[in-house]
Protein backbone atom coordinates (compact mmCIF):
# COMPACT_ATOMS: atom_id res chain seq x y z
CA UNK A 1 -9.84 -37.76 9.02
CA UNK A 2 -7.15 -38.01 11.65
CA UNK A 3 -4.38 -38.61 9.10
CA UNK A 4 -4.76 -35.22 7.43
CA UNK A 5 -3.78 -33.51 10.71
CA UNK A 6 -0.77 -35.79 11.15
CA UNK A 7 2.60 -33.99 11.18
CA UNK A 8 4.81 -37.06 11.56
CA UNK A 9 7.97 -36.57 9.53
CA UNK A 10 7.42 -32.82 9.14
CA UNK A 11 9.85 -30.12 10.24
CA UNK A 12 8.40 -26.96 11.76
CA UNK A 13 10.20 -23.66 12.39
CA UNK A 14 8.60 -21.45 15.05
CA UNK A 15 9.70 -17.87 15.70
CA UNK A 16 9.05 -16.22 19.04
CA UNK A 17 9.17 -19.72 20.48
CA UNK A 18 10.67 -19.02 23.90
CA UNK A 19 7.37 -18.35 25.68
CA UNK A 20 3.62 -17.82 25.36
CA UNK A 21 1.79 -18.81 22.20
CA UNK A 22 5.01 -19.77 20.43
CA UNK A 23 6.01 -22.19 23.16
CA UNK A 24 2.48 -23.65 23.21
CA UNK A 25 2.59 -24.13 19.44
CA UNK A 26 6.00 -25.82 19.61
CA UNK A 27 4.66 -28.33 22.11
CA UNK A 28 1.55 -28.90 19.99
CA UNK A 29 3.66 -29.53 16.88
CA UNK A 30 5.74 -32.02 18.85
CA UNK A 31 2.67 -33.90 20.03
CA UNK A 32 1.44 -34.03 16.41
CA UNK A 33 4.69 -35.73 15.43
CA UNK A 34 6.77 -32.90 13.95
CA UNK A 35 10.41 -32.14 14.64
CA UNK A 36 10.78 -28.50 15.62
CA UNK A 37 13.27 -25.65 15.35
CA UNK A 38 12.78 -22.85 17.85
CA UNK A 39 13.89 -19.31 17.06
CA UNK A 40 13.89 -16.49 19.62
CA UNK A 41 16.28 -13.98 21.14
CA UNK A 42 16.43 -15.37 24.67
CA UNK A 43 18.75 -18.38 24.75
CA UNK A 44 17.95 -19.33 28.35
CA UNK A 45 14.20 -19.42 27.72
CA UNK A 46 14.74 -21.40 24.51
CA UNK A 47 16.83 -23.95 26.41
CA UNK A 48 13.95 -24.45 28.86
CA UNK A 49 11.46 -25.10 26.06
CA UNK A 50 13.89 -27.44 24.30
CA UNK A 51 14.36 -29.42 27.51
CA UNK A 52 10.59 -29.76 27.93
CA UNK A 53 10.09 -30.91 24.34
CA UNK A 54 12.89 -33.47 24.55
CA UNK A 55 11.54 -34.74 27.87
CA UNK A 56 8.33 -35.55 26.01
CA UNK A 57 10.25 -37.47 23.38
CA UNK A 58 10.35 -34.76 20.73
CA UNK A 59 13.20 -33.67 18.49
CA UNK A 60 14.14 -30.02 18.93
CA UNK A 61 16.70 -27.52 17.72
CA UNK A 62 16.94 -24.20 19.59
CA UNK A 63 18.58 -21.20 17.94
CA UNK A 64 19.04 -17.76 19.44
CA UNK A 65 17.95 -15.38 16.67
CA UNK A 66 16.65 -11.84 16.32
CA UNK A 67 14.19 -11.99 13.43
CA UNK A 68 14.84 -8.34 12.59
CA UNK A 69 18.51 -9.07 11.83
CA UNK A 70 18.92 -10.49 8.32
CA UNK A 71 22.30 -12.08 8.92
CA UNK A 72 21.07 -13.85 12.07
CA UNK A 73 18.00 -15.11 10.21
CA UNK A 74 20.07 -16.42 7.31
CA UNK A 75 22.43 -18.27 9.66
CA UNK A 76 19.50 -19.72 11.62
CA UNK A 77 17.81 -21.09 8.51
CA UNK A 78 21.10 -22.57 7.33
CA UNK A 79 21.46 -24.28 10.71
CA UNK A 80 17.95 -25.73 10.49
CA UNK A 81 18.63 -27.07 7.00
CA UNK A 82 21.92 -28.59 8.15
CA UNK A 83 20.17 -30.33 11.07
CA UNK A 84 16.97 -31.48 9.38
CA UNK A 85 17.57 -31.21 5.64
CA UNK A 86 14.18 -29.59 4.99
CA UNK A 87 11.56 -27.18 6.33
CA UNK A 88 7.88 -28.03 5.87
CA UNK A 89 6.18 -25.57 8.21
CA UNK A 90 6.91 -21.99 9.24
CA UNK A 91 5.01 -20.36 12.08
CA UNK A 92 5.83 -16.65 12.05
CA UNK A 93 4.88 -15.90 15.64
CA UNK A 94 7.45 -13.35 16.86
CA UNK A 95 5.75 -10.06 17.65
CA UNK A 96 5.55 -7.04 19.92
CA UNK A 97 2.72 -4.78 21.06
CA UNK A 98 3.84 -1.20 21.58
CA UNK A 99 1.39 0.99 23.45
CA UNK A 100 0.39 4.46 22.30
CA UNK A 101 -1.48 6.51 19.72
CA UNK A 102 -0.03 8.34 16.75
CA UNK A 103 -0.12 11.59 18.69
CA UNK A 104 2.00 10.22 21.56
CA UNK A 105 4.31 7.58 20.07
CA UNK A 106 7.93 8.15 19.16
CA UNK A 107 9.25 7.22 15.75
CA UNK A 108 11.40 4.53 17.37
CA UNK A 109 8.34 2.96 18.99
CA UNK A 110 6.51 2.94 15.65
CA UNK A 111 9.49 1.36 13.90
CA UNK A 112 9.83 -1.29 16.60
CA UNK A 113 6.33 -2.55 15.84
CA UNK A 114 6.91 -2.81 12.11
CA UNK A 115 10.44 -4.20 12.42
CA UNK A 116 9.35 -7.16 14.51
CA UNK A 117 5.76 -7.73 13.35
CA UNK A 118 6.26 -7.24 9.61
CA UNK A 119 9.95 -7.14 8.71
CA UNK A 120 10.54 -10.23 10.84
CA UNK A 121 8.02 -12.21 8.77
CA UNK A 122 9.59 -10.90 5.56
CA UNK A 123 13.12 -11.91 6.55
CA UNK A 124 12.36 -15.39 7.89
CA UNK A 125 10.07 -16.16 4.96
CA UNK A 126 12.68 -14.84 2.52
CA UNK A 127 15.17 -17.51 3.52
CA UNK A 128 12.74 -20.39 4.06
CA UNK A 129 10.52 -20.08 0.97
CA UNK A 130 13.29 -21.07 -1.49
CA UNK A 131 13.61 -24.42 0.33
CA UNK A 132 9.83 -24.90 0.24
CA UNK A 133 9.74 -24.06 -3.46
CA UNK A 134 12.46 -26.63 -4.13
CA UNK A 135 10.44 -29.39 -2.47
CA UNK A 136 7.15 -28.07 -3.91
CA UNK A 137 5.57 -28.07 -0.46
CA UNK A 138 5.21 -25.71 2.47
CA UNK A 139 2.82 -24.43 5.12
CA UNK A 140 3.31 -20.85 6.30
CA UNK A 141 1.22 -19.53 9.17
CA UNK A 142 1.57 -15.87 10.11
CA UNK A 143 0.34 -14.73 13.51
CA UNK A 144 -1.50 -11.47 12.93
CA UNK A 145 -4.17 -10.30 15.38
CA UNK A 146 -7.85 -9.58 15.64
CA UNK A 147 -6.54 -6.01 15.62
CA UNK A 148 -5.75 -6.48 11.95
CA UNK A 149 -9.47 -6.01 11.32
CA UNK A 150 -10.82 -4.18 14.37
CA UNK A 151 -9.41 -1.34 16.44
CA UNK A 152 -8.82 -1.15 20.17
CA UNK A 153 -11.86 0.73 21.46
CA UNK A 154 -10.86 1.11 25.09
CA UNK A 155 -8.95 4.28 25.93
CA UNK A 156 -7.08 2.45 28.66
CA UNK A 157 -5.12 0.57 26.00
CA UNK A 158 -4.47 2.11 22.58
CA UNK A 159 -1.90 0.57 20.20
CA UNK A 160 -2.04 2.27 16.82
CA UNK A 161 1.25 0.84 15.57
CA UNK A 162 0.06 -2.63 16.56
CA UNK A 163 -3.19 -2.16 14.63
CA UNK A 164 -1.29 -0.99 11.56
CA UNK A 165 1.46 -3.60 11.66
CA UNK A 166 -0.93 -6.52 12.15
CA UNK A 167 -3.08 -5.28 9.26
CA UNK A 168 0.13 -5.26 7.23
CA UNK A 169 0.73 -8.89 8.23
CA UNK A 170 -2.60 -9.84 6.69
CA UNK A 171 -1.82 -7.87 3.54
CA UNK A 172 1.56 -9.60 3.27
CA UNK A 173 -0.10 -12.96 3.85
CA UNK A 174 -2.47 -12.44 0.91
CA UNK A 175 0.34 -11.35 -1.39
CA UNK A 176 2.51 -14.32 -0.46
CA UNK A 177 -0.38 -16.75 -0.83
CA UNK A 178 -1.16 -15.57 -4.35
CA UNK A 179 2.49 -15.79 -5.42
CA UNK A 180 3.53 -19.11 -3.92
CA UNK A 181 0.44 -21.32 -4.27
CA UNK A 182 1.82 -22.62 -7.59
CA UNK A 183 4.75 -24.08 -5.64
CA UNK A 184 2.56 -26.12 -3.32
CA UNK A 185 2.91 -23.57 -0.52
CA UNK A 186 -0.08 -22.37 1.49
CA UNK A 187 0.16 -19.06 3.33
CA UNK A 188 -2.48 -18.09 5.87
CA UNK A 189 -2.80 -15.94 8.97
CA UNK A 190 -4.39 -16.25 12.39
CA UNK A 191 -5.90 -13.32 14.23
CA UNK A 192 -5.89 -14.11 17.95
CA UNK A 193 -7.92 -12.01 20.33
CA UNK A 194 -6.64 -11.55 23.87
CA UNK A 195 -4.76 -14.62 25.08
CA UNK A 196 -2.78 -15.06 28.25
CA UNK A 197 0.92 -14.88 27.41
CA UNK A 198 4.10 -13.35 28.76
CA UNK A 199 3.47 -10.19 26.74
CA UNK A 200 -0.14 -9.71 27.84
CA UNK A 201 0.40 -10.77 31.44
CA UNK A 202 2.70 -7.80 31.93
CA UNK A 203 0.18 -5.32 30.52
CA UNK A 204 -3.40 -6.26 29.72
CA UNK A 205 -3.93 -8.89 32.39
CA UNK A 206 -2.72 -6.47 35.07
CA UNK A 207 -5.40 -3.94 34.16
CA UNK A 208 -8.71 -4.77 35.83
CA UNK A 209 -10.28 -1.87 33.94
CA UNK A 210 -9.18 -3.29 30.59
CA UNK A 211 -10.22 -6.87 31.39
CA UNK A 212 -13.64 -5.72 32.57
CA UNK A 213 -14.15 -3.78 29.36
CA UNK A 214 -12.80 -6.59 27.16
CA UNK A 215 -15.03 -9.21 28.77
CA UNK A 216 -18.07 -6.97 28.44
CA UNK A 217 -17.47 -6.48 24.71
CA UNK A 218 -16.63 -10.11 23.97
CA UNK A 219 -19.51 -12.58 23.40
CA UNK A 220 -17.53 -15.33 25.14
CA UNK A 221 -17.11 -13.04 28.13
CA UNK A 222 -13.47 -13.94 28.66
CA UNK A 223 -9.99 -13.93 27.11
CA UNK A 224 -8.61 -17.00 25.34
CA UNK A 225 -7.03 -19.76 27.40
CA UNK A 226 -3.64 -21.36 26.89
CA UNK A 227 -3.87 -23.98 24.17
CA UNK A 228 -7.06 -22.67 22.57
CA UNK A 229 -5.09 -21.39 19.58
CA UNK A 230 -3.33 -24.69 18.91
CA UNK A 231 -6.18 -26.30 16.96
CA UNK A 232 -6.20 -23.51 14.39
CA UNK A 233 -2.39 -23.55 14.16
CA UNK A 234 -2.35 -27.31 13.55
CA UNK A 235 -5.15 -27.05 10.99
CA UNK A 236 -3.30 -24.44 8.92
CA UNK A 237 0.00 -26.32 9.34
CA UNK A 238 -1.35 -29.66 8.16
CA UNK A 239 -2.78 -31.10 4.96
CA UNK A 240 -6.25 -30.54 6.40
CA UNK A 241 -5.96 -27.02 4.97
CA UNK A 242 -4.42 -27.98 1.61
CA UNK A 243 -6.87 -25.78 -0.38
CA UNK A 244 -6.96 -22.84 2.04
CA UNK A 245 -5.01 -19.81 0.82
CA UNK A 246 -4.56 -16.22 1.94
CA UNK A 247 -7.06 -16.34 4.77
CA UNK A 248 -7.18 -14.68 8.17
CA UNK A 249 -8.86 -16.93 10.72
CA UNK A 250 -9.87 -14.89 13.74
CA UNK A 251 -9.79 -16.75 17.06
CA UNK A 252 -11.20 -14.31 19.58
CA UNK A 253 -14.38 -15.64 21.19
CA UNK A 254 -16.52 -13.58 18.82
CA UNK A 255 -15.20 -10.13 19.54
CA UNK A 256 -14.79 -9.30 15.85
CA UNK A 257 -18.35 -10.30 14.90
CA UNK A 258 -20.02 -7.48 12.95
């Protein structure tokens, strides 16, 4: 069974890889044997992750890239192909969580959510899928959210554009899965619940009121811990999931149970 999770010889591209869940995933891919390409806007943070991966014996390419900018994405993918010659795995992890309801948000705030969370997946996938089609193999994992299927119920933290954009990620995942399965490409999504990351540390984890409410509503009674998403990421990125298509696997301690 161990061999079907093996990523030796594979090349993985991770967006939003400079911190949090993206950084954790990059390290997990490395430990599973994959060479990695890290895409994110912050060059300094990327350099730190690259240094850590290489210190552990991994092969890493770090590229400063805004996934909402088509020209930057195209150049980044070209650079990955020049370095590695192929792309086997794409983890679309870059995302933002903009706070506010439809009655309080600005149009710019709404657009920011969709530009990063949905358009970013579109653009990176647009330039990587042709290479996967050519080799008749690919594993695409889109990071959605538990909020793709359930709403925030605590008034202390409402994110309507996040709910909508992450639901769109799942819809896009299903469409891509149906279209590209014939090319040996699997496309699936993960719906994390609350995990500790740079994004949530600055907002959710600083709100005792929110954490108390979240823990009370969650059967596990706690947020996710660093690394607890890696198993699902590796499963969907490996041949262990070769017949899994268009699914959203929720990893949230049971909060979405209905």
